[in-house]
Amino acid sequence: MRTAIVIPARYDSSRLPGKPLLARTGKPLIRHVWEAVVAARLTDTVIVATDDDRIRLAVEAFGGTAMMTDRNHVSGTDRLAEVARRIDAETIVNVQGDEPHIDPAGLRSLLELFALYPNCRIATLAVPIKSMEDYRSPNCVKVVLDADRRAMLFSRAMVPFVRDGEPDLAQRPSPFLQHLGVYAYRRESLVEFASLPPSTLELLEKLEQNRVMPLGWDVRVATVEGAGRGVDTPEDYERFVRWERLNRGSGD
């Protein structure tokens, strides 16, 4: 399959303005993400999709490929779909521009799902929930799977709910899974997804992936044992800089 990895990157962020260009490690954050994606060796087509010339210029300065997209997109998925319409690829992998520690093995697992399940329209990742704090938190999005790795439900609620007692978070394989916001789409499915109106379930949970669940789309999930921490806040970025300094000797 011809595969493209697309990294949506916006300059404006309410919690961390200019996030893609923060460079206290000696490299802009978007370069860290780009290098992690390239290291996965899934494809030669890696594109940063942005609406800001500053990000485009930064990406081109380190030898990456950037594509300018409409400033009026509501979500990263809409930006991704615009790119999908303009390139020649059968599958599109979406990696967020604030995930410098994305796991290459997880990205490979996404494409394996397409090979295993010809009817799969969207592939995504999940990780076992390890703490009761996460299980109870609405900020930890849960996914419930059937026996064949098909997603049945995405929710902020405590699902599956244990009526008698507490969940056993140590059991393996675990039914208690946190959804990770990394996706792969068949190109035609991505374009259709972006054209659909929000579903009632999506609006209630504020989860975009619930747009297609009431329609019965085949969404498959690969489980990984760990996940890199994204950069959403100034505190997250400070943590990332410390990690880089300790592990790679970079940063001020």
C-alpha atoms as a PDB file:
ATOM      1  CA  MET A   1       0.000   0.000   0.000  1.00  0.00           C
ATOM      2  CA  ARG A   2       1.188   3.512  -0.776  1.00  0.00           C
ATOM      3  CA  THR A   3       1.331   5.176   2.617  1.00  0.00           C
ATOM      4  CA  ALA A   4       1.732   8.793   3.653  1.00  0.00           C
ATOM      5  CA  ILE A   5       2.331   9.985   7.187  1.00  0.00           C
ATOM      6  CA  VAL A   6       0.817  13.402   7.821  1.00  0.00           C
ATOM      7  CA  ILE A   7       1.654  15.538  10.861  1.00  0.00           C
ATOM      8  CA  PRO A   8      -0.876  18.352  11.413  1.00  0.00           C
ATOM      9  CA  ALA A   9       0.796  21.313  13.125  1.00  0.00           C
ATOM     10  CA  ARG A  10      -0.848  24.591  14.142  1.00  0.00           C
ATOM     11  CA  TYR A  11       0.973  27.613  15.509  1.00  0.00           C
ATOM     12  CA  ASP A  12      -1.899  28.801  17.688  1.00  0.00           C
ATOM     13  CA  SER A  13      -2.474  26.868  20.899  1.00  0.00           C
ATOM     14  CA  SER A  14      -4.426  28.126  23.877  1.00  0.00           C
ATOM     15  CA  ARG A  15      -2.182  26.342  26.383  1.00  0.00           C
ATOM     16  CA  LEU A  16       1.174  26.587  24.607  1.00  0.00           C
ATOM     17  CA  PRO A  17       1.327  29.181  21.798  1.00  0.00           C
ATOM     18  CA  GLY A  18       3.912  28.527  19.101  1.00  0.00           C
ATOM     19  CA  LYS A  19       4.354  24.952  20.326  1.00  0.00           C
ATOM     20  CA  PRO A  20       5.716  23.413  17.089  1.00  0.00           C
ATOM     21  CA  LEU A  21       8.592  25.921  17.010  1.00  0.00           C
ATOM     22  CA  LEU A  22       9.718  25.700  20.635  1.00  0.00           C
ATOM     23  CA  ALA A  23      13.413  24.871  20.403  1.00  0.00           C
ATOM     24  CA  ARG A  24      15.090  24.780  23.802  1.00  0.00           C
ATOM     25  CA  THR A  25      16.509  21.366  22.899  1.00  0.00           C
ATOM     26  CA  GLY A  26      18.329  22.863  19.938  1.00  0.00           C
ATOM     27  CA  LYS A  27      15.617  21.680  17.532  1.00  0.00           C
ATOM     28  CA  PRO A  28      12.025  22.826  17.055  1.00  0.00           C
ATOM     29  CA  LEU A  29       9.493  20.424  18.530  1.00  0.00           C
ATOM     30  CA  ILE A  30       8.071  19.657  15.101  1.00  0.00           C
ATOM     31  CA  ARG A  31      11.502  18.378  14.020  1.00  0.00           C
ATOM     32  CA  HIS A  32      11.580  15.935  16.929  1.00  0.00           C
ATOM     33  CA  VAL A  33       8.219  14.562  15.798  1.00  0.00           C
ATOM     34  CA  TRP A  34       9.313  14.402  12.154  1.00  0.00           C
ATOM     35  CA  GLU A  35      12.515  12.531  13.066  1.00  0.00           C
ATOM     36  CA  ALA A  36      10.602  10.009  15.185  1.00  0.00           C
ATOM     37  CA  VAL A  37       8.217   9.343  12.298  1.00  0.00           C
ATOM     38  CA  VAL A  38      11.029   9.001   9.750  1.00  0.00           C
ATOM     39  CA  ALA A  39      12.758   6.516  12.094  1.00  0.00           C
ATOM     40  CA  ALA A  40       9.749   4.201  11.756  1.00  0.00           C
ATOM     41  CA  ARG A  41      10.755   3.632   8.076  1.00  0.00           C
ATOM     42  CA  LEU A  42       7.169   3.083   6.977  1.00  0.00           C
ATOM     43  CA  THR A  43       7.280   5.381   3.982  1.00  0.00           C
ATOM     44  CA  ASP A  44       9.290   8.078   2.255  1.00  0.00           C
ATOM     45  CA  THR A  45       6.219  10.335   2.255  1.00  0.00           C
ATOM     46  CA  VAL A  46       6.125  12.363   5.478  1.00  0.00           C
ATOM     47  CA  ILE A  47       4.279  15.670   5.311  1.00  0.00           C
ATOM     48  CA  VAL A  48       3.784  18.383   7.907  1.00  0.00           C
ATOM     49  CA  ALA A  49       0.359  19.947   7.271  1.00  0.00           C
ATOM     50  CA  THR A  50       0.203  23.494   8.572  1.00  0.00           C
ATOM     51  CA  ASP A  51      -1.570  26.814   8.133  1.00  0.00           C
ATOM     52  CA  ASP A  52       1.392  28.939   9.221  1.00  0.00           C
ATOM     53  CA  ASP A  53       4.360  30.031   7.105  1.00  0.00           C
ATOM     54  CA  ARG A  54       6.643  30.053  10.146  1.00  0.00           C
ATOM     55  CA  ILE A  55       6.124  26.333  10.601  1.00  0.00           C
ATOM     56  CA  ARG A  56       6.490  25.675   6.867  1.00  0.00           C
ATOM     57  CA  LEU A  57       9.791  27.532   6.767  1.00  0.00           C
ATOM     58  CA  ALA A  58      11.095  25.710   9.855  1.00  0.00           C
ATOM     59  CA  VAL A  59      10.226  22.315   8.360  1.00  0.00           C
ATOM     60  CA  GLU A  60      11.817  23.144   5.018  1.00  0.00           C
ATOM     61  CA  ALA A  61      14.937  24.418   6.831  1.00  0.00           C
ATOM     62  CA  PHE A  62      15.651  20.968   8.277  1.00  0.00           C
ATOM     63  CA  GLY A  63      14.876  19.202   4.992  1.00  0.00           C
ATOM     64  CA  GLY A  64      11.302  18.144   5.681  1.00  0.00           C
ATOM     65  CA  THR A  65       8.232  18.506   3.491  1.00  0.00           C
ATOM     66  CA  ALA A  66       5.456  20.908   4.493  1.00  0.00           C
ATOM     67  CA  MET A  67       2.083  21.533   2.870  1.00  0.00           C
ATOM     68  CA  MET A  68       0.075  24.685   3.475  1.00  0.00           C
ATOM     69  CA  THR A  69      -3.576  24.042   4.293  1.00  0.00           C
ATOM     70  CA  ASP A  70      -6.706  26.113   4.907  1.00  0.00           C
ATOM     71  CA  ARG A  71      -6.642  28.239   8.067  1.00  0.00           C
ATOM     72  CA  ASN A  72     -10.350  27.645   8.680  1.00  0.00           C
ATOM     73  CA  HIS A  73     -10.256  23.927   9.425  1.00  0.00           C
ATOM     74  CA  VAL A  74     -12.108  23.073  12.622  1.00  0.00           C
ATOM     75  CA  SER A  75     -10.014  19.998  13.446  1.00  0.00           C
ATOM     76  CA  GLY A  76      -6.794  18.234  12.603  1.00  0.00           C
ATOM     77  CA  THR A  77      -8.823  15.584  10.792  1.00  0.00           C
ATOM     78  CA  ASP A  78     -10.170  18.203   8.373  1.00  0.00           C
ATOM     79  CA  ARG A  79      -6.612  19.366   7.713  1.00  0.00           C
ATOM     80  CA  LEU A  80      -5.580  15.739   7.178  1.00  0.00           C
ATOM     81  CA  ALA A  81      -8.410  15.176   4.703  1.00  0.00           C
ATOM     82  CA  GLU A  82      -7.341  18.213   2.668  1.00  0.00           C
ATOM     83  CA  VAL A  83      -3.881  16.709   2.316  1.00  0.00           C
ATOM     84  CA  ALA A  84      -5.364  13.303   1.433  1.00  0.00           C
ATOM     85  CA  ARG A  85      -7.261  14.849  -1.475  1.00  0.00           C
ATOM     86  CA  ARG A  86      -4.046  16.336  -2.852  1.00  0.00           C
ATOM     87  CA  ILE A  87      -1.630  13.389  -2.692  1.00  0.00           C
ATOM     88  CA  ASP A  88      -1.384   9.903  -4.169  1.00  0.00           C
ATOM     89  CA  ALA A  89      -1.627   7.474  -1.246  1.00  0.00           C
ATOM     90  CA  GLU A  90      -3.870   4.566  -0.317  1.00  0.00           C
ATOM     91  CA  THR A  91      -3.427   4.939   3.431  1.00  0.00           C
ATOM     92  CA  ILE A  92      -2.897   8.042   5.543  1.00  0.00           C
ATOM     93  CA  VAL A  93      -1.329   7.844   8.993  1.00  0.00           C
ATOM     94  CA  ASN A  94      -2.038  10.763  11.306  1.00  0.00           C
ATOM     95  CA  VAL A  95       0.604  11.639  13.899  1.00  0.00           C
ATOM     96  CA  GLN A  96       0.009  14.702  16.052  1.00  0.00           C
ATOM     97  CA  GLY A  97       2.642  17.436  15.901  1.00  0.00           C
ATOM     98  CA  ASP A  98       3.138  17.353  19.674  1.00  0.00           C
ATOM     99  CA  GLU A  99       4.123  13.651  19.973  1.00  0.00           C
ATOM    100  CA  PRO A 100       7.941  13.626  19.896  1.00  0.00           C
ATOM    101  CA  HIS A 101       8.099  10.206  21.565  1.00  0.00           C
ATOM    102  CA  ILE A 102       5.736   8.419  19.190  1.00  0.00           C
ATOM    103  CA  ASP A 103       6.569   4.703  19.099  1.00  0.00           C
ATOM    104  CA  PRO A 104       7.587   3.441  15.620  1.00  0.00           C
ATOM    105  CA  ALA A 105       6.351  -0.068  16.520  1.00  0.00           C
ATOM    106  CA  GLY A 106       2.905   1.344  17.181  1.00  0.00           C
ATOM    107  CA  LEU A 107       2.826   2.970  13.756  1.00  0.00           C
ATOM    108  CA  ARG A 108       3.735  -0.325  12.129  1.00  0.00           C
ATOM    109  CA  SER A 109       0.921  -2.012  14.047  1.00  0.00           C
ATOM    110  CA  LEU A 110      -1.601   0.343  12.445  1.00  0.00           C
ATOM    111  CA  LEU A 111      -0.720  -0.761   8.936  1.00  0.00           C
ATOM    112  CA  GLU A 112      -0.702  -4.416   9.993  1.00  0.00           C
ATOM    113  CA  LEU A 113      -4.367  -4.031  10.942  1.00  0.00           C
ATOM    114  CA  PHE A 114      -5.207  -3.046   7.367  1.00  0.00           C
ATOM    115  CA  ALA A 115      -3.400  -6.143   6.104  1.00  0.00           C
ATOM    116  CA  LEU A 116      -5.180  -8.425   8.585  1.00  0.00           C
ATOM    117  CA  TYR A 117      -8.654  -6.955   8.131  1.00  0.00           C
ATOM    118  CA  PRO A 118      -9.494  -5.983   4.528  1.00  0.00           C
ATOM    119  CA  ASN A 119     -12.746  -4.307   5.650  1.00  0.00           C
ATOM    120  CA  CYS A 120     -11.001  -2.120   8.227  1.00  0.00           C
ATOM    121  CA  ARG A 121     -11.605   1.557   7.435  1.00  0.00           C
ATOM    122  CA  ILE A 122      -9.790   3.166  10.368  1.00  0.00           C
ATOM    123  CA  ALA A 123      -6.982   1.742  12.519  1.00  0.00           C
ATOM    124  CA  THR A 124      -5.952   3.196  15.849  1.00  0.00           C
ATOM    125  CA  LEU A 125      -4.050   2.381  19.046  1.00  0.00           C
ATOM    126  CA  ALA A 126      -4.800   1.723  22.700  1.00  0.00           C
ATOM    127  CA  VAL A 127      -2.743   1.063  25.809  1.00  0.00           C
ATOM    128  CA  PRO A 128      -3.718  -0.808  29.009  1.00  0.00           C
ATOM    129  CA  ILE A 129      -4.863   1.544  31.756  1.00  0.00           C
ATOM    130  CA  LYS A 130      -2.443   1.297  34.653  1.00  0.00           C
ATOM    131  CA  SER A 131      -3.988   3.443  37.391  1.00  0.00           C
ATOM    132  CA  MET A 132      -7.380   3.933  38.991  1.00  0.00           C
ATOM    133  CA  GLU A 133      -6.875   7.682  38.600  1.00  0.00           C
ATOM    134  CA  ASP A 134      -6.779   7.268  34.822  1.00  0.00           C
ATOM    135  CA  TYR A 135      -9.678   4.806  34.811  1.00  0.00           C
ATOM    136  CA  ARG A 136     -11.863   7.307  36.672  1.00  0.00           C
ATOM    137  CA  SER A 137     -10.708  10.375  34.725  1.00  0.00           C
ATOM    138  CA  PRO A 138     -12.892  11.711  31.880  1.00  0.00           C
ATOM    139  CA  ASN A 139      -9.679  12.994  30.300  1.00  0.00           C
ATOM    140  CA  CYS A 140      -8.602   9.385  29.780  1.00  0.00           C
ATOM    141  CA  VAL A 141     -10.631   8.194  26.788  1.00  0.00           C
ATOM    142  CA  LYS A 142     -11.507   4.509  26.986  1.00  0.00           C
ATOM    143  CA  VAL A 143     -12.174   2.054  24.187  1.00  0.00           C
ATOM    144  CA  VAL A 144     -13.976  -1.283  24.445  1.00  0.00           C
ATOM    145  CA  LEU A 145     -13.100  -3.997  21.917  1.00  0.00           C
ATOM    146  CA  ASP A 146     -14.750  -7.137  20.662  1.00  0.00           C
ATOM    147  CA  ALA A 147     -12.854 -10.431  20.403  1.00  0.00           C
ATOM    148  CA  ASP A 148     -11.517  -9.496  16.959  1.00  0.00           C
ATOM    149  CA  ARG A 149     -10.012  -6.087  17.878  1.00  0.00           C
ATOM    150  CA  ARG A 150     -12.983  -4.152  16.538  1.00  0.00           C
ATOM    151  CA  ALA A 151     -13.880  -1.009  18.492  1.00  0.00           C
ATOM    152  CA  MET A 152     -17.358  -1.185  20.003  1.00  0.00           C
ATOM    153  CA  LEU A 153     -17.335   2.001  22.079  1.00  0.00           C
ATOM    154  CA  PHE A 154     -15.207   5.068  22.788  1.00  0.00           C
ATOM    155  CA  SER A 155     -16.120   6.887  25.996  1.00  0.00           C
ATOM    156  CA  ARG A 156     -14.898   9.183  28.727  1.00  0.00           C
ATOM    157  CA  ALA A 157     -16.893   7.116  31.219  1.00  0.00           C
ATOM    158  CA  MET A 158     -15.548   4.208  33.273  1.00  0.00           C
ATOM    159  CA  VAL A 159     -16.018   1.454  30.699  1.00  0.00           C
ATOM    160  CA  PRO A 160     -16.183  -1.420  30.929  1.00  0.00           C
ATOM    161  CA  PHE A 161     -17.840  -0.720  34.277  1.00  0.00           C
ATOM    162  CA  VAL A 162     -17.202  -3.238  37.058  1.00  0.00           C
ATOM    163  CA  ARG A 163     -20.430  -3.656  38.970  1.00  0.00           C
ATOM    164  CA  ASP A 164     -18.999  -5.845  41.737  1.00  0.00           C
ATOM    165  CA  GLY A 165     -15.700  -4.665  43.186  1.00  0.00           C
ATOM    166  CA  GLU A 166     -12.836  -2.824  41.486  1.00  0.00           C
ATOM    167  CA  PRO A 167     -11.287  -3.363  38.044  1.00  0.00           C
ATOM    168  CA  ASP A 168      -8.230  -5.609  37.937  1.00  0.00           C
ATOM    169  CA  LEU A 169      -5.857  -3.373  36.022  1.00  0.00           C
ATOM    170  CA  ALA A 170      -3.066  -5.969  36.221  1.00  0.00           C
ATOM    171  CA  GLN A 171      -4.823  -8.624  34.159  1.00  0.00           C
ATOM    172  CA  ARG A 172      -3.548  -9.380  30.670  1.00  0.00           C
ATOM    173  CA  PRO A 173      -4.951  -9.114  28.142  1.00  0.00           C
ATOM    174  CA  SER A 174      -6.662  -6.152  29.719  1.00  0.00           C
ATOM    175  CA  PRO A 175     -10.213  -5.096  28.863  1.00  0.00           C
ATOM    176  CA  PHE A 176      -9.439  -1.683  30.399  1.00  0.00           C
ATOM    177  CA  LEU A 177      -7.874   0.301  27.570  1.00  0.00           C
ATOM    178  CA  GLN A 178      -6.995   3.934  27.038  1.00  0.00           C
ATOM    179  CA  HIS A 179      -7.419   5.132  23.477  1.00  0.00           C
ATOM    180  CA  LEU A 180      -4.408   6.863  21.930  1.00  0.00           C
ATOM    181  CA  GLY A 181      -5.071   9.557  19.356  1.00  0.00           C
ATOM    182  CA  VAL A 182      -2.976   7.996  16.594  1.00  0.00           C
ATOM    183  CA  TYR A 183      -4.890   6.903  13.484  1.00  0.00           C
ATOM    184  CA  ALA A 184      -4.458   5.379  10.076  1.00  0.00           C
ATOM    185  CA  TYR A 185      -7.182   5.734   7.453  1.00  0.00           C
ATOM    186  CA  ARG A 186      -7.885   4.294   4.085  1.00  0.00           C
ATOM    187  CA  ARG A 187      -7.834   7.386   1.921  1.00  0.00           C
ATOM    188  CA  GLU A 188     -11.458   7.206   0.784  1.00  0.00           C
ATOM    189  CA  SER A 189     -12.613   6.636   4.369  1.00  0.00           C
ATOM    190  CA  LEU A 190     -10.755   9.717   5.598  1.00  0.00           C
ATOM    191  CA  VAL A 191     -12.278  11.918   2.894  1.00  0.00           C
ATOM    192  CA  GLU A 192     -15.756  10.571   3.708  1.00  0.00           C
ATOM    193  CA  PHE A 193     -15.188  10.965   7.451  1.00  0.00           C
ATOM    194  CA  ALA A 194     -14.394  14.659   7.020  1.00  0.00           C
ATOM    195  CA  SER A 195     -17.584  15.179   5.011  1.00  0.00           C
ATOM    196  CA  LEU A 196     -19.904  13.632   7.620  1.00  0.00           C
ATOM    197  CA  PRO A 197     -21.830  15.739  10.141  1.00  0.00           C
ATOM    198  CA  PRO A 198     -21.068  15.173  13.839  1.00  0.00           C
ATOM    199  CA  SER A 199     -23.090  12.361  15.389  1.00  0.00           C
ATOM    200  CA  THR A 200     -25.100  12.760  18.578  1.00  0.00           C
ATOM    201  CA  LEU A 201     -22.634  10.476  20.348  1.00  0.00           C
ATOM    202  CA  GLU A 202     -19.716  12.620  19.168  1.00  0.00           C
ATOM    203  CA  LEU A 203     -21.340  15.805  20.458  1.00  0.00           C
ATOM    204  CA  LEU A 204     -22.223  14.262  23.821  1.00  0.00           C
ATOM    205  CA  GLU A 205     -18.776  12.794  24.517  1.00  0.00           C
ATOM    206  CA  LYS A 206     -16.791  15.456  22.597  1.00  0.00           C
ATOM    207  CA  LEU A 207     -14.946  12.621  20.849  1.00  0.00           C
ATOM    208  CA  GLU A 208     -14.512  12.959  17.097  1.00  0.00           C
ATOM    209  CA  GLN A 209     -13.972   9.216  16.606  1.00  0.00           C
ATOM    210  CA  ASN A 210     -17.581   8.640  17.678  1.00  0.00           C
ATOM    211  CA  ARG A 211     -18.748  10.241  14.427  1.00  0.00           C
ATOM    212  CA  VAL A 212     -18.635   6.895  12.636  1.00  0.00           C
ATOM    213  CA  MET A 213     -19.455   4.447  15.424  1.00  0.00           C
ATOM    214  CA  PRO A 214     -23.259   4.735  14.987  1.00  0.00           C
ATOM    215  CA  LEU A 215     -22.721   4.069  11.266  1.00  0.00           C
ATOM    216  CA  GLY A 216     -21.105   0.706  11.925  1.00  0.00           C
ATOM    217  CA  TRP A 217     -17.712   1.531  10.413  1.00  0.00           C
ATOM    218  CA  ASP A 218     -15.047  -1.131  10.891  1.00  0.00           C
ATOM    219  CA  VAL A 219     -12.557   0.488  13.280  1.00  0.00           C
ATOM    220  CA  ARG A 220      -9.778  -1.825  14.494  1.00  0.00           C
ATOM    221  CA  VAL A 221      -7.467  -1.278  17.430  1.00  0.00           C
ATOM    222  CA  ALA A 222      -3.916  -2.483  18.088  1.00  0.00           C
ATOM    223  CA  THR A 223      -2.851  -2.621  21.722  1.00  0.00           C
ATOM    224  CA  VAL A 224       0.612  -1.402  22.697  1.00  0.00           C
ATOM    225  CA  GLU A 225       2.152  -1.678  26.149  1.00  0.00           C
ATOM    226  CA  GLY A 226       3.275   1.923  26.500  1.00  0.00           C
ATOM    227  CA  ALA A 227       2.816   5.366  25.016  1.00  0.00           C
ATOM    228  CA  GLY A 228       5.005   8.435  24.786  1.00  0.00           C
ATOM    229  CA  ARG A 229       3.770  11.516  26.558  1.00  0.00           C
ATOM    230  CA  GLY A 230       2.567  14.366  24.363  1.00  0.00           C
ATOM    231  CA  VAL A 231       3.411  18.043  24.828  1.00  0.00           C
ATOM    232  CA  ASP A 232       0.241  19.973  25.655  1.00  0.00           C
ATOM    233  CA  THR A 233       1.293  22.445  28.347  1.00  0.00           C
ATOM    234  CA  PRO A 234       4.388  24.448  29.394  1.00  0.00           C
ATOM    235  CA  GLU A 235       4.952  21.824  32.099  1.00  0.00           C
ATOM    236  CA  ASP A 236       4.916  19.060  29.498  1.00  0.00           C
ATOM    237  CA  TYR A 237       7.491  20.908  27.437  1.00  0.00           C
ATOM    238  CA  GLU A 238       9.742  21.438  30.473  1.00  0.00           C
ATOM    239  CA  ARG A 239       9.543  17.692  31.140  1.00  0.00           C
ATOM    240  CA  PHE A 240      10.427  16.966  27.515  1.00  0.00           C
ATOM    241  CA  VAL A 241      13.436  19.317  27.625  1.00  0.00           C
ATOM    242  CA  ARG A 242      14.689  17.619  30.809  1.00  0.00           C
ATOM    243  CA  TRP A 243      14.293  14.195  29.181  1.00  0.00           C
ATOM    244  CA  GLU A 244      16.248  15.298  26.119  1.00  0.00           C
ATOM    245  CA  ARG A 245      19.014  16.770  28.279  1.00  0.00           C
ATOM    246  CA  LEU A 246      19.350  13.599  30.334  1.00  0.00           C
ATOM    247  CA  ASN A 247      19.098  11.115  27.493  1.00  0.00           C
ATOM    248  CA  ARG A 248      20.629  12.914  24.535  1.00  0.00           C
ATOM    249  CA  GLY A 249      22.649  15.727  25.999  1.00  0.00           C
ATOM    250  CA  SER A 250      20.602  18.441  24.267  1.00  0.00           C
ATOM    251  CA  GLY A 251      18.878  21.531  25.627  1.00  0.00           C
ATOM    252  CA  ASP A 252      20.115  24.623  27.451  1.00  0.00           C
END
